[in-house]
PDB file of N, CA and C in Angstrom:
ATOM      1  N   MET A   1      79.165  83.160  98.326  1.00  0.00           N
ATOM      2  CA  MET A   1      79.896  83.036  99.565  1.00  0.00           C
ATOM      3  C   MET A   1      79.060  83.662 100.674  1.00  0.00           C
ATOM      4  N   ALA A   2      78.963  82.973 101.779  1.00  0.00           N
ATOM      5  CA  ALA A   2      78.214  83.466 102.930  1.00  0.00           C
ATOM      6  C   ALA A   2      79.175  84.006 103.987  1.00  0.00           C
ATOM      7  N   VAL A   3      78.658  84.873 104.833  1.00  0.00           N
ATOM      8  CA  VAL A   3      79.475  85.354 105.936  1.00  0.00           C
ATOM      9  C   VAL A   3      79.764  84.202 106.891  1.00  0.00           C
ATOM     10  N   LEU A   4      80.789  84.353 107.688  1.00  0.00           N
ATOM     11  CA  LEU A   4      81.123  83.337 108.683  1.00  0.00           C
ATOM     12  C   LEU A   4      80.008  83.229 109.721  1.00  0.00           C
ATOM     13  N   ALA A   5      79.849  82.055 110.263  1.00  0.00           N
ATOM     14  CA  ALA A   5      78.898  81.868 111.355  1.00  0.00           C
ATOM     15  C   ALA A   5      79.357  82.705 112.542  1.00  0.00           C
ATOM     16  N   ASN A   6      78.426  83.113 113.370  1.00  0.00           N
ATOM     17  CA  ASN A   6      78.759  83.930 114.525  1.00  0.00           C
ATOM     18  C   ASN A   6      79.816  83.255 115.409  1.00  0.00           C
ATOM     19  N   ALA A   7      79.722  81.953 115.572  1.00  0.00           N
ATOM     20  CA  ALA A   7      80.705  81.231 116.387  1.00  0.00           C
ATOM     21  C   ALA A   7      82.102  81.330 115.777  1.00  0.00           C
ATOM     22  N   ASP A   8      82.195  81.279 114.460  1.00  0.00           N
ATOM     23  CA  ASP A   8      83.494  81.411 113.789  1.00  0.00           C
ATOM     24  C   ASP A   8      84.040  82.828 113.932  1.00  0.00           C
ATOM     25  N   ARG A   9      83.166  83.812 113.774  1.00  0.00           N
ATOM     26  CA  ARG A   9      83.602  85.196 113.961  1.00  0.00           C
ATOM     27  C   ARG A   9      84.122  85.397 115.388  1.00  0.00           C
ATOM     28  N   GLN A  10      83.415  84.835 116.365  1.00  0.00           N
ATOM     29  CA  GLN A  10      83.828  84.972 117.754  1.00  0.00           C
ATOM     30  C   GLN A  10      85.167  84.282 118.002  1.00  0.00           C
ATOM     31  N   ARG A  11      85.334  83.099 117.428  1.00  0.00           N
ATOM     32  CA  ARG A  11      86.580  82.343 117.612  1.00  0.00           C
ATOM     33  C   ARG A  11      87.782  83.105 117.059  1.00  0.00           C
ATOM     34  N   ILE A  12      87.674  83.636 115.837  1.00  0.00           N
ATOM     35  CA  ILE A  12      88.829  84.343 115.272  1.00  0.00           C
ATOM     36  C   ILE A  12      89.073  85.666 115.983  1.00  0.00           C
ATOM     37  N   PHE A  13      88.008  86.283 116.466  1.00  0.00           N
ATOM     38  CA  PHE A  13      88.138  87.498 117.272  1.00  0.00           C
ATOM     39  C   PHE A  13      88.925  87.190 118.545  1.00  0.00           C
ATOM     40  N   GLU A  14      88.576  86.106 119.226  1.00  0.00           N
ATOM     41  CA  GLU A  14      89.277  85.731 120.454  1.00  0.00           C
ATOM     42  C   GLU A  14      90.728  85.330 120.172  1.00  0.00           C
ATOM     43  N   GLU A  15      90.960  84.633 119.064  1.00  0.00           N
ATOM     44  CA  GLU A  15      92.336  84.290 118.685  1.00  0.00           C
ATOM     45  C   GLU A  15      93.154  85.553 118.470  1.00  0.00           C
ATOM     46  N   PHE A  16      92.558  86.510 117.782  1.00  0.00           N
ATOM     47  CA  PHE A  16      93.245  87.771 117.504  1.00  0.00           C
ATOM     48  C   PHE A  16      93.565  88.506 118.798  1.00  0.00           C
ATOM     49  N   MET A  17      92.617  88.556 119.713  1.00  0.00           N
ATOM     50  CA  MET A  17      92.867  89.224 120.994  1.00  0.00           C
ATOM     51  C   MET A  17      94.032  88.559 121.719  1.00  0.00           C
ATOM     52  N   GLY A  18      94.095  87.225 121.665  1.00  0.00           N
ATOM     53  CA  GLY A  18      95.220  86.510 122.273  1.00  0.00           C
ATOM     54  C   GLY A  18      96.543  86.856 121.611  1.00  0.00           C
ATOM     55  N   GLU A  19      96.521  86.982 120.281  1.00  0.00           N
ATOM     56  CA  GLU A  19      97.742  87.315 119.545  1.00  0.00           C
ATOM     57  C   GLU A  19      98.255  88.710 119.889  1.00  0.00           C
ATOM     58  N   ILE A  20      97.345  89.687 119.895  1.00  0.00           N
ATOM     59  CA  ILE A  20      97.820  91.047 120.180  1.00  0.00           C
ATOM     60  C   ILE A  20      98.237  91.189 121.641  1.00  0.00           C
ATOM     61  N   SER A  21      97.598  90.420 122.513  1.00  0.00           N
ATOM     62  CA  SER A  21      98.006  90.415 123.919  1.00  0.00           C
ATOM     63  C   SER A  21      99.409  89.820 124.056  1.00  0.00           C
ATOM     64  N   ALA A  22      99.660  88.698 123.384  1.00  0.00           N
ATOM     65  CA  ALA A  22     100.979  88.059 123.437  1.00  0.00           C
ATOM     66  C   ALA A  22     102.054  88.970 122.853  1.00  0.00           C
ATOM     67  N   ASP A  23     101.684  89.739 121.830  1.00  0.00           N
ATOM     68  CA  ASP A  23     102.628  90.670 121.205  1.00  0.00           C
ATOM     69  C   ASP A  23     102.743  91.985 121.982  1.00  0.00           C
ATOM     70  N   GLN A  24     101.949  92.124 123.037  1.00  0.00           N
ATOM     71  CA  GLN A  24     101.880  93.344 123.844  1.00  0.00           C
ATOM     72  C   GLN A  24     101.574  94.568 122.981  1.00  0.00           C
ATOM     73  N   GLU A  25     100.683  94.357 122.017  1.00  0.00           N
ATOM     74  CA  GLU A  25     100.267  95.449 121.144  1.00  0.00           C
ATOM     75  C   GLU A  25      99.036  96.125 121.739  1.00  0.00           C
ATOM     76  N   VAL A  26      99.042  97.425 121.747  1.00  0.00           N
ATOM     77  CA  VAL A  26      97.933  98.188 122.304  1.00  0.00           C
ATOM     78  C   VAL A  26      96.788  98.221 121.297  1.00  0.00           C
ATOM     79  N   CYS A  27      95.596  97.960 121.776  1.00  0.00           N
ATOM     80  CA  CYS A  27      94.394  98.081 120.932  1.00  0.00           C
ATOM     81  C   CYS A  27      93.640  99.312 121.424  1.00  0.00           C
ATOM     82  N   PRO A  28      93.460 100.314 120.558  1.00  0.00           N
ATOM     83  CA  PRO A  28      92.912 101.590 121.001  1.00  0.00           C
ATOM     84  C   PRO A  28      91.391 101.634 121.135  1.00  0.00           C
ATOM     85  N   VAL A  29      90.721 100.501 121.012  1.00  0.00           N
ATOM     86  CA  VAL A  29      89.259 100.483 121.107  1.00  0.00           C
ATOM     87  C   VAL A  29      88.818  99.392 122.084  1.00  0.00           C
ATOM     88  N   VAL A  30      87.567  99.466 122.504  1.00  0.00           N
ATOM     89  CA  VAL A  30      87.015  98.448 123.396  1.00  0.00           C
ATOM     90  C   VAL A  30      86.700  97.187 122.594  1.00  0.00           C
ATOM     91  N   LYS A  31      86.516  96.079 123.311  1.00  0.00           N
ATOM     92  CA  LYS A  31      86.292  94.789 122.659  1.00  0.00           C
ATOM     93  C   LYS A  31      85.112  94.804 121.699  1.00  0.00           C
ATOM     94  N   ALA A  32      84.040  95.465 122.069  1.00  0.00           N
ATOM     95  CA  ALA A  32      82.854  95.501 121.206  1.00  0.00           C
ATOM     96  C   ALA A  32      83.171  96.164 119.865  1.00  0.00           C
ATOM     97  N   ASP A  33      83.984  97.213 119.894  1.00  0.00           N
ATOM     98  CA  ASP A  33      84.356  97.895 118.654  1.00  0.00           C
ATOM     99  C   ASP A  33      85.292  97.039 117.806  1.00  0.00           C
ATOM    100  N   LEU A  34      86.193  96.325 118.462  1.00  0.00           N
ATOM    101  CA  LEU A  34      87.084  95.424 117.729  1.00  0.00           C
ATOM    102  C   LEU A  34      86.284  94.291 117.100  1.00  0.00           C
ATOM    103  N   ARG A  35      85.333  93.744 117.832  1.00  0.00           N
ATOM    104  CA  ARG A  35      84.485  92.679 117.281  1.00  0.00           C
ATOM    105  C   ARG A  35      83.687  93.205 116.094  1.00  0.00           C
ATOM    106  N   ALA A  36      83.194  94.422 116.179  1.00  0.00           N
ATOM    107  CA  ALA A  36      82.466  95.028 115.058  1.00  0.00           C
ATOM    108  C   ALA A  36      83.367  95.149 113.834  1.00  0.00           C
ATOM    109  N   ALA A  37      84.649  95.406 114.044  1.00  0.00           N
ATOM    110  CA  ALA A  37      85.601  95.475 112.929  1.00  0.00           C
ATOM    111  C   ALA A  37      85.744  94.111 112.263  1.00  0.00           C
ATOM    112  N   PHE A  38      85.768  93.034 113.059  1.00  0.00           N
ATOM    113  CA  PHE A  38      85.825  91.686 112.492  1.00  0.00           C
ATOM    114  C   PHE A  38      84.578  91.396 111.669  1.00  0.00           C
ATOM    115  N   ASN A  39      83.427  91.775 112.189  1.00  0.00           N
ATOM    116  CA  ASN A  39      82.178  91.568 111.444  1.00  0.00           C
ATOM    117  C   ASN A  39      82.202  92.337 110.124  1.00  0.00           C
ATOM    118  N   ALA A  40      82.668  93.581 110.175  1.00  0.00           N
ATOM    119  CA  ALA A  40      82.728  94.403 108.964  1.00  0.00           C
ATOM    120  C   ALA A  40      83.719  93.831 107.952  1.00  0.00           C
ATOM    121  N   ALA A  41      84.864  93.343 108.434  1.00  0.00           N
ATOM    122  CA  ALA A  41      85.852  92.760 107.530  1.00  0.00           C
ATOM    123  C   ALA A  41      85.292  91.523 106.845  1.00  0.00           C
ATOM    124  N   ASP A  42      84.555  90.704 107.583  1.00  0.00           N
ATOM    125  CA  ASP A  42      83.938  89.514 107.001  1.00  0.00           C
ATOM    126  C   ASP A  42      82.873  89.909 105.980  1.00  0.00           C
ATOM    127  N   ASP A  43      82.040  90.878 106.327  1.00  0.00           N
ATOM    128  CA  ASP A  43      81.021  91.359 105.393  1.00  0.00           C
ATOM    129  C   ASP A  43      81.656  91.895 104.117  1.00  0.00           C
ATOM    130  N   PHE A  44      82.752  92.645 104.266  1.00  0.00           N
ATOM    131  CA  PHE A  44      83.457  93.195 103.114  1.00  0.00           C
ATOM    132  C   PHE A  44      84.019  92.078 102.244  1.00  0.00           C
ATOM    133  N   ALA A  45      84.632  91.071 102.880  1.00  0.00           N
ATOM    134  CA  ALA A  45      85.204  89.957 102.119  1.00  0.00           C
ATOM    135  C   ALA A  45      84.139  89.281 101.255  1.00  0.00           C
ATOM    136  N   VAL A  46      82.966  89.113 101.807  1.00  0.00           N
ATOM    137  CA  VAL A  46      81.872  88.504 101.045  1.00  0.00           C
ATOM    138  C   VAL A  46      81.463  89.401  99.873  1.00  0.00           C
ATOM    139  N   SER A  47      81.418  90.707 100.125  1.00  0.00           N
ATOM    140  CA  SER A  47      80.933  91.627  99.084  1.00  0.00           C
ATOM    141  C   SER A  47      81.898  91.767  97.909  1.00  0.00           C
ATOM    142  N   VAL A  48      83.187  91.502  98.115  1.00  0.00           N
ATOM    143  CA  VAL A  48      84.167  91.672  97.030  1.00  0.00           C
ATOM    144  C   VAL A  48      84.740  90.360  96.506  1.00  0.00           C
ATOM    145  N   ALA A  49      84.283  89.240  97.021  1.00  0.00           N
ATOM    146  CA  ALA A  49      84.858  87.942  96.640  1.00  0.00           C
ATOM    147  C   ALA A  49      84.761  87.693  95.143  1.00  0.00           C
ATOM    148  N   SER A  50      83.617  87.979  94.547  1.00  0.00           N
ATOM    149  CA  SER A  50      83.473  87.707  93.114  1.00  0.00           C
ATOM    150  C   SER A  50      84.336  88.651  92.285  1.00  0.00           C
ATOM    151  N   THR A  51      84.522  89.882  92.750  1.00  0.00           N
ATOM    152  CA  THR A  51      85.384  90.830  92.049  1.00  0.00           C
ATOM    153  C   THR A  51      86.832  90.357  92.079  1.00  0.00           C
ATOM    154  N   TYR A  52      87.279  89.891  93.233  1.00  0.00           N
ATOM    155  CA  TYR A  52      88.643  89.371  93.354  1.00  0.00           C
ATOM    156  C   TYR A  52      88.819  88.167  92.437  1.00  0.00           C
ATOM    157  N   ASN A  53      87.891  87.255  92.482  1.00  0.00           N
ATOM    158  CA  ASN A  53      88.000  86.062  91.648  1.00  0.00           C
ATOM    159  C   ASN A  53      88.064  86.430  90.161  1.00  0.00           C
ATOM    160  N   ALA A  54      87.237  87.361  89.752  1.00  0.00           N
ATOM    161  CA  ALA A  54      87.216  87.784  88.345  1.00  0.00           C
ATOM    162  C   ALA A  54      88.522  88.459  87.929  1.00  0.00           C
ATOM    163  N   ALA A  55      89.205  89.077  88.883  1.00  0.00           N
ATOM    164  CA  ALA A  55      90.467  89.765  88.571  1.00  0.00           C
ATOM    165  C   ALA A  55      91.638  88.801  88.393  1.00  0.00           C
ATOM    166  N   LEU A  56      91.514  87.596  88.891  1.00  0.00           N
ATOM    167  CA  LEU A  56      92.603  86.627  88.772  1.00  0.00           C
ATOM    168  C   LEU A  56      92.731  86.133  87.336  1.00  0.00           C
ATOM    169  N   PRO A  57      93.944  86.002  86.853  1.00  0.00           N
ATOM    170  CA  PRO A  57      94.133  85.554  85.474  1.00  0.00           C
ATOM    171  C   PRO A  57      93.918  84.045  85.330  1.00  0.00           C
ATOM    172  N   GLN A  58      93.493  83.672  84.151  1.00  0.00           N
ATOM    173  CA  GLN A  58      93.441  82.251  83.803  1.00  0.00           C
ATOM    174  C   GLN A  58      94.855  81.834  83.434  1.00  0.00           C
ATOM    175  N   PRO A  59      95.282  80.657  83.670  1.00  0.00           N
ATOM    176  CA  PRO A  59      94.500  79.521  84.131  1.00  0.00           C
ATOM    177  C   PRO A  59      94.386  79.420  85.647  1.00  0.00           C
ATOM    178  N   PHE A  60      95.052  80.332  86.400  1.00  0.00           N
ATOM    179  CA  PHE A  60      95.001  80.240  87.857  1.00  0.00           C
ATOM    180  C   PHE A  60      93.564  80.297  88.365  1.00  0.00           C
ATOM    181  N   ARG A  61      92.775  81.234  87.870  1.00  0.00           N
ATOM    182  CA  ARG A  61      91.399  81.405  88.351  1.00  0.00           C
ATOM    183  C   ARG A  61      90.604  80.117  88.239  1.00  0.00           C
ATOM    184  N   GLY A  62      90.730  79.420  87.124  1.00  0.00           N
ATOM    185  CA  GLY A  62      89.956  78.207  86.919  1.00  0.00           C
ATOM    186  C   GLY A  62      90.522  76.982  87.596  1.00  0.00           C
ATOM    187  N   ALA A  63      91.824  76.973  87.832  1.00  0.00           N
ATOM    188  CA  ALA A  63      92.470  75.774  88.363  1.00  0.00           C
ATOM    189  C   ALA A  63      92.682  75.798  89.876  1.00  0.00           C
ATOM    190  N   ALA A  64      92.833  76.967  90.460  1.00  0.00           N
ATOM    191  CA  ALA A  64      93.175  77.060  91.877  1.00  0.00           C
ATOM    192  C   ALA A  64      91.948  76.864  92.758  1.00  0.00           C
ATOM    193  N   SER A  65      92.193  76.295  93.922  1.00  0.00           N
ATOM    194  CA  SER A  65      91.121  76.134  94.912  1.00  0.00           C
ATOM    195  C   SER A  65      90.826  77.479  95.571  1.00  0.00           C
ATOM    196  N   ALA A  66      89.684  77.570  96.209  1.00  0.00           N
ATOM    197  CA  ALA A  66      89.326  78.785  96.943  1.00  0.00           C
ATOM    198  C   ALA A  66      90.365  79.055  98.039  1.00  0.00           C
ATOM    199  N   SER A  67      90.848  77.995  98.668  1.00  0.00           N
ATOM    200  CA  SER A  67      91.855  78.144  99.719  1.00  0.00           C
ATOM    201  C   SER A  67      93.144  78.743  99.168  1.00  0.00           C
ATOM    202  N   LEU A  68      93.584  78.265  98.017  1.00  0.00           N
ATOM    203  CA  LEU A  68      94.809  78.791  97.420  1.00  0.00           C
ATOM    204  C   LEU A  68      94.631  80.247  97.006  1.00  0.00           C
ATOM    205  N   LYS A  69      93.486  80.571  96.442  1.00  0.00           N
ATOM    206  CA  LYS A  69      93.201  81.964  96.067  1.00  0.00           C
ATOM    207  C   LYS A  69      93.224  82.859  97.298  1.00  0.00           C
ATOM    208  N   ALA A  70      92.656  82.386  98.397  1.00  0.00           N
ATOM    209  CA  ALA A  70      92.643  83.165  99.642  1.00  0.00           C
ATOM    210  C   ALA A  70      94.045  83.356 100.184  1.00  0.00           C
ATOM    211  N   ARG A  71      94.860  82.321 100.098  1.00  0.00           N
ATOM    212  CA  ARG A  71      96.239  82.426 100.593  1.00  0.00           C
ATOM    213  C   ARG A  71      97.045  83.426  99.779  1.00  0.00           C
ATOM    214  N   VAL A  72      96.841  83.460  98.467  1.00  0.00           N
ATOM    215  CA  VAL A  72      97.519  84.444  97.614  1.00  0.00           C
ATOM    216  C   VAL A  72      97.108  85.849  98.044  1.00  0.00           C
ATOM    217  N   PHE A  73      95.807  86.053  98.204  1.00  0.00           N
ATOM    218  CA  PHE A  73      95.303  87.369  98.597  1.00  0.00           C
ATOM    219  C   PHE A  73      95.841  87.776  99.972  1.00  0.00           C
ATOM    220  N   GLN A  74      95.829  86.849 100.915  1.00  0.00           N
ATOM    221  CA  GLN A  74      96.323  87.128 102.257  1.00  0.00           C
ATOM    222  C   GLN A  74      97.794  87.539 102.228  1.00  0.00           C
ATOM    223  N   LYS A  75      98.588  86.837 101.456  1.00  0.00           N
ATOM    224  CA  LYS A  75     100.028  87.122 101.374  1.00  0.00           C
ATOM    225  C   LYS A  75     100.281  88.519 100.794  1.00  0.00           C
ATOM    226  N   VAL A  76      99.580  88.840  99.721  1.00  0.00           N
ATOM    227  CA  VAL A  76      99.747  90.154  99.081  1.00  0.00           C
ATOM    228  C   VAL A  76      99.257  91.257 100.015  1.00  0.00           C
ATOM    229  N   LEU A  77      98.093  91.066 100.611  1.00  0.00           N
ATOM    230  CA  LEU A  77      97.537  92.087 101.500  1.00  0.00           C
ATOM    231  C   LEU A  77      98.455  92.333 102.695  1.00  0.00           C
ATOM    232  N   ARG A  78      98.960  91.286 103.297  1.00  0.00           N
ATOM    233  CA  ARG A  78      99.862  91.423 104.447  1.00  0.00           C
ATOM    234  C   ARG A  78     101.128  92.189 104.054  1.00  0.00           C
ATOM    235  N   GLU A  79     101.715  91.847 102.941  1.00  0.00           N
ATOM    236  CA  GLU A  79     102.946  92.519 102.507  1.00  0.00           C
ATOM    237  C   GLU A  79     102.691  93.998 102.229  1.00  0.00           C
ATOM    238  N   ARG A  80     101.573  94.292 101.575  1.00  0.00           N
ATOM    239  CA  ARG A  80     101.239  95.692 101.293  1.00  0.00           C
ATOM    240  C   ARG A  80     101.036  96.467 102.597  1.00  0.00           C
ATOM    241  N   TRP A  81     100.392  95.832 103.556  1.00  0.00           N
ATOM    242  CA  TRP A  81     100.127  96.485 104.835  1.00  0.00           C
ATOM    243  C   TRP A  81     101.436  96.757 105.577  1.00  0.00           C
ATOM    244  N   ILE A  82     102.314  95.768 105.606  1.00  0.00           N
ATOM    245  CA  ILE A  82     103.607  95.916 106.294  1.00  0.00           C
ATOM    246  C   ILE A  82     104.434  97.029 105.654  1.00  0.00           C
ATOM    247  N   LYS A  83     104.437  97.066 104.334  1.00  0.00           N
ATOM    248  CA  LYS A  83     105.245  98.077 103.618  1.00  0.00           C
ATOM    249  C   LYS A  83     104.559  99.431 103.564  1.00  0.00           C
ATOM    250  N   GLY A  84     103.281  99.480 103.900  1.00  0.00           N
ATOM    251  CA  GLY A  84     102.561 100.752 103.897  1.00  0.00           C
ATOM    252  C   GLY A  84     102.246 101.271 102.502  1.00  0.00           C
ATOM    253  N   VAL A  85     102.041 100.343 101.573  1.00  0.00           N
ATOM    254  CA  VAL A  85     101.707 100.767 100.207  1.00  0.00           C
ATOM    255  C   VAL A  85     100.290 100.370  99.838  1.00  0.00           C
TER     256      VAL A  85
END
């Protein structure tokens, strides 16, 4: 798995800024620092992708698409974050 192209990183960064602005959520850092966080999150995702895939049980691991695996991970991560666990 490769990191996202710079244009993709920029696009999701800008989408996120629009979302937090619409939600009137305060961002405690400057844009450059927030963008660096997006870059780091993408780098981290690449570095742990094979570990996550290996942790998934069969037959799901072998049968599910990368998109479905990502959606499962996103759902679990979001719920854990919301609940603070």
